Amino acid sequence: MPQLIFLGLLVAGGYFAWKAIKREMARVDQELNEAKKTPSDKQGATLELDPETGRYRPKQDEPD
């Protein structure tokens, strides 16, 4: 009998864990879809090589 109680608790815990995981996956998916819809400030920016670090960075607009 204790095995059945343990098995029932295990199944119930798994069920609630699965629901929590699905809810979190839906939240993350919604955030990603919203992020895709909004344009990024640096989207399509021209990259230039930084001679000091050797890394590419977005080109800064130089004031006139």
PDB file of N, CA and C in Angstrom:
ATOM      1  N   MET A   1       0.801  -1.203   0.000  1.00  0.00           N
ATOM      2  CA  MET A   1       0.000   0.000   0.000  1.00  0.00           C
ATOM      3  C   MET A   1       0.850   1.277   0.000  1.00  0.00           C
ATOM      4  N   PRO A   2       1.923   1.337   0.778  1.00  0.00           N
ATOM      5  CA  PRO A   2       2.748   2.551   0.732  1.00  0.00           C
ATOM      6  C   PRO A   2       3.344   2.802  -0.656  1.00  0.00           C
ATOM      7  N   GLN A   3       3.567   1.735  -1.414  1.00  0.00           N
ATOM      8  CA  GLN A   3       4.101   1.912  -2.766  1.00  0.00           C
ATOM      9  C   GLN A   3       3.098   2.638  -3.661  1.00  0.00           C
ATOM     10  N   LEU A   4       1.826   2.336  -3.494  1.00  0.00           N
ATOM     11  CA  LEU A   4       0.800   3.005  -4.293  1.00  0.00           C
ATOM     12  C   LEU A   4       0.695   4.490  -3.934  1.00  0.00           C
ATOM     13  N   ILE A   5       0.813   4.796  -2.643  1.00  0.00           N
ATOM     14  CA  ILE A   5       0.777   6.193  -2.225  1.00  0.00           C
ATOM     15  C   ILE A   5       1.977   6.929  -2.809  1.00  0.00           C
ATOM     16  N   PHE A   6       3.159   6.308  -2.719  1.00  0.00           N
ATOM     17  CA  PHE A   6       4.365   6.915  -3.275  1.00  0.00           C
ATOM     18  C   PHE A   6       4.233   7.101  -4.779  1.00  0.00           C
ATOM     19  N   LEU A   7       3.712   6.094  -5.472  1.00  0.00           N
ATOM     20  CA  LEU A   7       3.530   6.178  -6.914  1.00  0.00           C
ATOM     21  C   LEU A   7       2.535   7.293  -7.262  1.00  0.00           C
ATOM     22  N   GLY A   8       1.469   7.415  -6.503  1.00  0.00           N
ATOM     23  CA  GLY A   8       0.486   8.478  -6.734  1.00  0.00           C
ATOM     24  C   GLY A   8       1.097   9.850  -6.528  1.00  0.00           C
ATOM     25  N   LEU A   9       1.891  10.010  -5.472  1.00  0.00           N
ATOM     26  CA  LEU A   9       2.564  11.284  -5.235  1.00  0.00           C
ATOM     27  C   LEU A   9       3.557  11.593  -6.345  1.00  0.00           C
ATOM     28  N   LEU A  10       4.252  10.571  -6.818  1.00  0.00           N
ATOM     29  CA  LEU A  10       5.221  10.756  -7.893  1.00  0.00           C
ATOM     30  C   LEU A  10       4.531  11.185  -9.182  1.00  0.00           C
ATOM     31  N   VAL A  11       3.412  10.555  -9.499  1.00  0.00           N
ATOM     32  CA  VAL A  11       2.662  10.909 -10.702  1.00  0.00           C
ATOM     33  C   VAL A  11       2.096  12.323 -10.584  1.00  0.00           C
ATOM     34  N   ALA A  12       1.546  12.656  -9.423  1.00  0.00           N
ATOM     35  CA  ALA A  12       0.989  13.998  -9.224  1.00  0.00           C
ATOM     36  C   ALA A  12       2.092  15.055  -9.322  1.00  0.00           C
ATOM     37  N   GLY A  13       3.242  14.788  -8.734  1.00  0.00           N
ATOM     38  CA  GLY A  13       4.365  15.721  -8.818  1.00  0.00           C
ATOM     39  C   GLY A  13       4.840  15.896 -10.245  1.00  0.00           C
ATOM     40  N   GLY A  14       4.901  14.808 -10.993  1.00  0.00           N
ATOM     41  CA  GLY A  14       5.299  14.880 -12.397  1.00  0.00           C
ATOM     42  C   GLY A  14       4.310  15.673 -13.224  1.00  0.00           C
ATOM     43  N   TYR A  15       3.037  15.505 -12.925  1.00  0.00           N
ATOM     44  CA  TYR A  15       1.997  16.233 -13.651  1.00  0.00           C
ATOM     45  C   TYR A  15       2.131  17.742 -13.427  1.00  0.00           C
ATOM     46  N   PHE A  16       2.282  18.142 -12.167  1.00  0.00           N
ATOM     47  CA  PHE A  16       2.409  19.567 -11.871  1.00  0.00           C
ATOM     48  C   PHE A  16       3.720  20.141 -12.395  1.00  0.00           C
ATOM     49  N   ALA A  17       4.778  19.355 -12.375  1.00  0.00           N
ATOM     50  CA  ALA A  17       6.055  19.815 -12.937  1.00  0.00           C
ATOM     51  C   ALA A  17       5.916  20.009 -14.444  1.00  0.00           C
ATOM     52  N   TRP A  18       5.241  19.092 -15.123  1.00  0.00           N
ATOM     53  CA  TRP A  18       5.048  19.208 -16.568  1.00  0.00           C
ATOM     54  C   TRP A  18       4.230  20.456 -16.914  1.00  0.00           C
ATOM     55  N   LYS A  19       3.184  20.723 -16.118  1.00  0.00           N
ATOM     56  CA  LYS A  19       2.378  21.923 -16.362  1.00  0.00           C
ATOM     57  C   LYS A  19       3.222  23.183 -16.168  1.00  0.00           C
ATOM     58  N   ALA A  20       4.072  23.203 -15.156  1.00  0.00           N
ATOM     59  CA  ALA A  20       4.916  24.375 -14.904  1.00  0.00           C
ATOM     60  C   ALA A  20       5.918  24.564 -16.041  1.00  0.00           C
ATOM     61  N   ILE A  21       6.475  23.472 -16.536  1.00  0.00           N
ATOM     62  CA  ILE A  21       7.435  23.550 -17.640  1.00  0.00           C
ATOM     63  C   ILE A  21       6.750  24.062 -18.906  1.00  0.00           C
ATOM     64  N   LYS A  22       5.566  23.560 -19.196  1.00  0.00           N
ATOM     65  CA  LYS A  22       4.834  24.020 -20.381  1.00  0.00           C
ATOM     66  C   LYS A  22       4.481  25.496 -20.269  1.00  0.00           C
ATOM     67  N   ARG A  23       4.089  25.951 -19.079  1.00  0.00           N
ATOM     68  CA  ARG A  23       3.752  27.359 -18.876  1.00  0.00           C
ATOM     69  C   ARG A  23       4.989  28.235 -19.087  1.00  0.00           C
ATOM     70  N   GLU A  24       6.140  27.797 -18.588  1.00  0.00           N
ATOM     71  CA  GLU A  24       7.381  28.555 -18.774  1.00  0.00           C
ATOM     72  C   GLU A  24       7.795  28.581 -20.242  1.00  0.00           C
ATOM     73  N   MET A  25       7.647  27.454 -20.939  1.00  0.00           N
ATOM     74  CA  MET A  25       7.982  27.416 -22.368  1.00  0.00           C
ATOM     75  C   MET A  25       7.080  28.361 -23.159  1.00  0.00           C
ATOM     76  N   ALA A  26       5.808  28.437 -22.810  1.00  0.00           N
ATOM     77  CA  ALA A  26       4.889  29.346 -23.497  1.00  0.00           C
ATOM     78  C   ALA A  26       5.275  30.800 -23.229  1.00  0.00           C
ATOM     79  N   ARG A  27       5.699  31.106 -21.996  1.00  0.00           N
ATOM     80  CA  ARG A  27       6.103  32.474 -21.655  1.00  0.00           C
ATOM     81  C   ARG A  27       7.333  32.881 -22.444  1.00  0.00           C
ATOM     82  N   VAL A  28       8.317  31.997 -22.514  1.00  0.00           N
ATOM     83  CA  VAL A  28       9.546  32.297 -23.251  1.00  0.00           C
ATOM     84  C   VAL A  28       9.247  32.440 -24.740  1.00  0.00           C
ATOM     85  N   ASP A  29       8.391  31.572 -25.270  1.00  0.00           N
ATOM     86  CA  ASP A  29       8.021  31.654 -26.680  1.00  0.00           C
ATOM     87  C   ASP A  29       7.336  32.986 -26.985  1.00  0.00           C
ATOM     88  N   GLN A  30       6.475  33.436 -26.080  1.00  0.00           N
ATOM     89  CA  GLN A  30       5.798  34.719 -26.276  1.00  0.00           C
ATOM     90  C   GLN A  30       6.805  35.867 -26.247  1.00  0.00           C
ATOM     91  N   GLU A  31       7.774  35.825 -25.334  1.00  0.00           N
ATOM     92  CA  GLU A  31       8.802  36.873 -25.280  1.00  0.00           C
ATOM     93  C   GLU A  31       9.624  36.898 -26.555  1.00  0.00           C
ATOM     94  N   LEU A  32       9.966  35.727 -27.073  1.00  0.00           N
ATOM     95  CA  LEU A  32      10.752  35.673 -28.300  1.00  0.00           C
ATOM     96  C   LEU A  32       9.959  36.217 -29.485  1.00  0.00           C
ATOM     97  N   ASN A  33       8.688  35.886 -29.564  1.00  0.00           N
ATOM     98  CA  ASN A  33       7.859  36.399 -30.655  1.00  0.00           C
ATOM     99  C   ASN A  33       7.721  37.917 -30.580  1.00  0.00           C
ATOM    100  N   GLU A  34       7.587  38.466 -29.380  1.00  0.00           N
ATOM    101  CA  GLU A  34       7.507  39.913 -29.232  1.00  0.00           C
ATOM    102  C   GLU A  34       8.825  40.568 -29.613  1.00  0.00           C
ATOM    103  N   ALA A  35       9.933  39.933 -29.263  1.00  0.00           N
ATOM    104  CA  ALA A  35      11.245  40.487 -29.590  1.00  0.00           C
ATOM    105  C   ALA A  35      11.476  40.478 -31.097  1.00  0.00           C
ATOM    106  N   LYS A  36      10.946  39.489 -31.785  1.00  0.00           N
ATOM    107  CA  LYS A  36      11.088  39.430 -33.241  1.00  0.00           C
ATOM    108  C   LYS A  36      10.307  40.562 -33.913  1.00  0.00           C
ATOM    109  N   LYS A  37       9.189  40.952 -33.315  1.00  0.00           N
ATOM    110  CA  LYS A  37       8.335  41.973 -33.912  1.00  0.00           C
ATOM    111  C   LYS A  37       8.937  43.364 -33.789  1.00  0.00           C
ATOM    112  N   THR A  38       9.640  43.639 -32.693  1.00  0.00           N
ATOM    113  CA  THR A  38      10.191  44.976 -32.488  1.00  0.00           C
ATOM    114  C   THR A  38      11.567  45.068 -33.134  1.00  0.00           C
ATOM    115  N   PRO A  39      11.808  46.110 -33.922  1.00  0.00           N
ATOM    116  CA  PRO A  39      13.112  46.241 -34.566  1.00  0.00           C
ATOM    117  C   PRO A  39      14.185  46.605 -33.545  1.00  0.00           C
ATOM    118  N   SER A  40      15.349  46.091 -33.777  1.00  0.00           N
ATOM    119  CA  SER A  40      16.479  46.372 -32.898  1.00  0.00           C
ATOM    120  C   SER A  40      17.153  47.666 -33.323  1.00  0.00           C
ATOM    121  N   ASP A  41      17.743  48.371 -32.377  1.00  0.00           N
ATOM    122  CA  ASP A  41      18.451  49.610 -32.689  1.00  0.00           C
ATOM    123  C   ASP A  41      19.689  49.336 -33.539  1.00  0.00           C
ATOM    124  N   LYS A  42      20.320  48.210 -33.328  1.00  0.00           N
ATOM    125  CA  LYS A  42      21.566  47.911 -34.008  1.00  0.00           C
ATOM    126  C   LYS A  42      21.361  46.992 -35.211  1.00  0.00           C
ATOM    127  N   GLN A  43      20.130  46.720 -35.556  1.00  0.00           N
ATOM    128  CA  GLN A  43      19.847  45.843 -36.681  1.00  0.00           C
ATOM    129  C   GLN A  43      20.338  46.478 -37.974  1.00  0.00           C
ATOM    130  N   GLY A  44      21.145  45.767 -38.699  1.00  0.00           N
ATOM    131  CA  GLY A  44      21.662  46.245 -39.960  1.00  0.00           C
ATOM    132  C   GLY A  44      22.795  47.239 -39.802  1.00  0.00           C
ATOM    133  N   ALA A  45      23.371  47.326 -38.611  1.00  0.00           N
ATOM    134  CA  ALA A  45      24.465  48.263 -38.382  1.00  0.00           C
ATOM    135  C   ALA A  45      25.720  47.780 -39.098  1.00  0.00           C
ATOM    136  N   THR A  46      26.521  48.716 -39.573  1.00  0.00           N
ATOM    137  CA  THR A  46      27.777  48.386 -40.222  1.00  0.00           C
ATOM    138  C   THR A  46      28.815  48.100 -39.149  1.00  0.00           C
ATOM    139  N   LEU A  47      29.571  47.038 -39.331  1.00  0.00           N
ATOM    140  CA  LEU A  47      30.599  46.678 -38.370  1.00  0.00           C
ATOM    141  C   LEU A  47      31.942  47.203 -38.828  1.00  0.00           C
ATOM    142  N   GLU A  48      32.761  47.583 -37.856  1.00  0.00           N
ATOM    143  CA  GLU A  48      34.116  48.008 -38.169  1.00  0.00           C
ATOM    144  C   GLU A  48      35.066  47.331 -37.185  1.00  0.00           C
ATOM    145  N   LEU A  49      36.278  47.064 -37.633  1.00  0.00           N
ATOM    146  CA  LEU A  49      37.271  46.392 -36.818  1.00  0.00           C
ATOM    147  C   LEU A  49      37.904  47.385 -35.853  1.00  0.00           C
ATOM    148  N   ASP A  50      37.899  47.043 -34.576  1.00  0.00           N
ATOM    149  CA  ASP A  50      38.556  47.867 -33.572  1.00  0.00           C
ATOM    150  C   ASP A  50      40.023  47.460 -33.544  1.00  0.00           C
ATOM    151  N   PRO A  51      40.940  48.354 -33.915  1.00  0.00           N
ATOM    152  CA  PRO A  51      42.343  47.971 -34.000  1.00  0.00           C
ATOM    153  C   PRO A  51      42.963  47.633 -32.646  1.00  0.00           C
ATOM    154  N   GLU A  52      42.436  48.170 -31.567  1.00  0.00           N
ATOM    155  CA  GLU A  52      42.996  47.898 -30.248  1.00  0.00           C
ATOM    156  C   GLU A  52      42.671  46.494 -29.759  1.00  0.00           C
ATOM    157  N   THR A  53      41.407  46.067 -29.940  1.00  0.00           N
ATOM    158  CA  THR A  53      40.987  44.766 -29.424  1.00  0.00           C
ATOM    159  C   THR A  53      40.956  43.693 -30.492  1.00  0.00           C
ATOM    160  N   GLY A  54      40.876  44.083 -31.753  1.00  0.00           N
ATOM    161  CA  GLY A  54      40.781  43.099 -32.829  1.00  0.00           C
ATOM    162  C   GLY A  54      39.383  42.532 -32.982  1.00  0.00           C
ATOM    163  N   ARG A  55      38.405  43.155 -32.353  1.00  0.00           N
ATOM    164  CA  ARG A  55      37.018  42.693 -32.446  1.00  0.00           C
ATOM    165  C   ARG A  55      36.208  43.646 -33.303  1.00  0.00           C
ATOM    166  N   TYR A  56      35.171  43.101 -33.913  1.00  0.00           N
ATOM    167  CA  TYR A  56      34.264  43.925 -34.703  1.00  0.00           C
ATOM    168  C   TYR A  56      33.198  44.517 -33.796  1.00  0.00           C
ATOM    169  N   ARG A  57      32.893  45.787 -34.014  1.00  0.00           N
ATOM    170  CA  ARG A  57      31.885  46.492 -33.242  1.00  0.00           C
ATOM    171  C   ARG A  57      31.005  47.285 -34.202  1.00  0.00           C
ATOM    172  N   PRO A  58      29.781  47.622 -33.768  1.00  0.00           N
ATOM    173  CA  PRO A  58      28.947  48.472 -34.636  1.00  0.00           C
ATOM    174  C   PRO A  58      29.622  49.816 -34.840  1.00  0.00           C
ATOM    175  N   LYS A  59      29.547  50.307 -36.068  1.00  0.00           N
ATOM    176  CA  LYS A  59      30.180  51.570 -36.398  1.00  0.00           C
ATOM    177  C   LYS A  59      29.445  52.703 -35.696  1.00  0.00           C
ATOM    178  N   GLN A  60      30.208  53.559 -35.018  1.00  0.00           N
ATOM    179  CA  GLN A  60      29.635  54.689 -34.302  1.00  0.00           C
ATOM    180  C   GLN A  60      29.430  55.839 -35.280  1.00  0.00           C
ATOM    181  N   ASP A  61      28.281  56.478 -35.171  1.00  0.00           N
ATOM    182  CA  ASP A  61      28.037  57.664 -35.992  1.00  0.00           C
ATOM    183  C   ASP A  61      28.861  58.800 -35.421  1.00  0.00           C
ATOM    184  N   GLU A  62      29.719  59.349 -36.239  1.00  0.00           N
ATOM    185  CA  GLU A  62      30.574  60.432 -35.776  1.00  0.00           C
ATOM    186  C   GLU A  62      29.842  61.757 -35.951  1.00  0.00           C
ATOM    187  N   PRO A  63      29.823  62.569 -34.905  1.00  0.00           N
ATOM    188  CA  PRO A  63      29.148  63.885 -35.020  1.00  0.00           C
ATOM    189  C   PRO A  63      29.941  64.794 -35.934  1.00  0.00           C
ATOM    190  N   ASP A  64      29.232  65.611 -36.678  1.00  0.00           N
ATOM    191  CA  ASP A  64      29.897  66.536 -37.607  1.00  0.00           C
ATOM    192  C   ASP A  64      30.449  67.750 -36.899  1.00  0.00           C
TER     193      ASP A  64
END
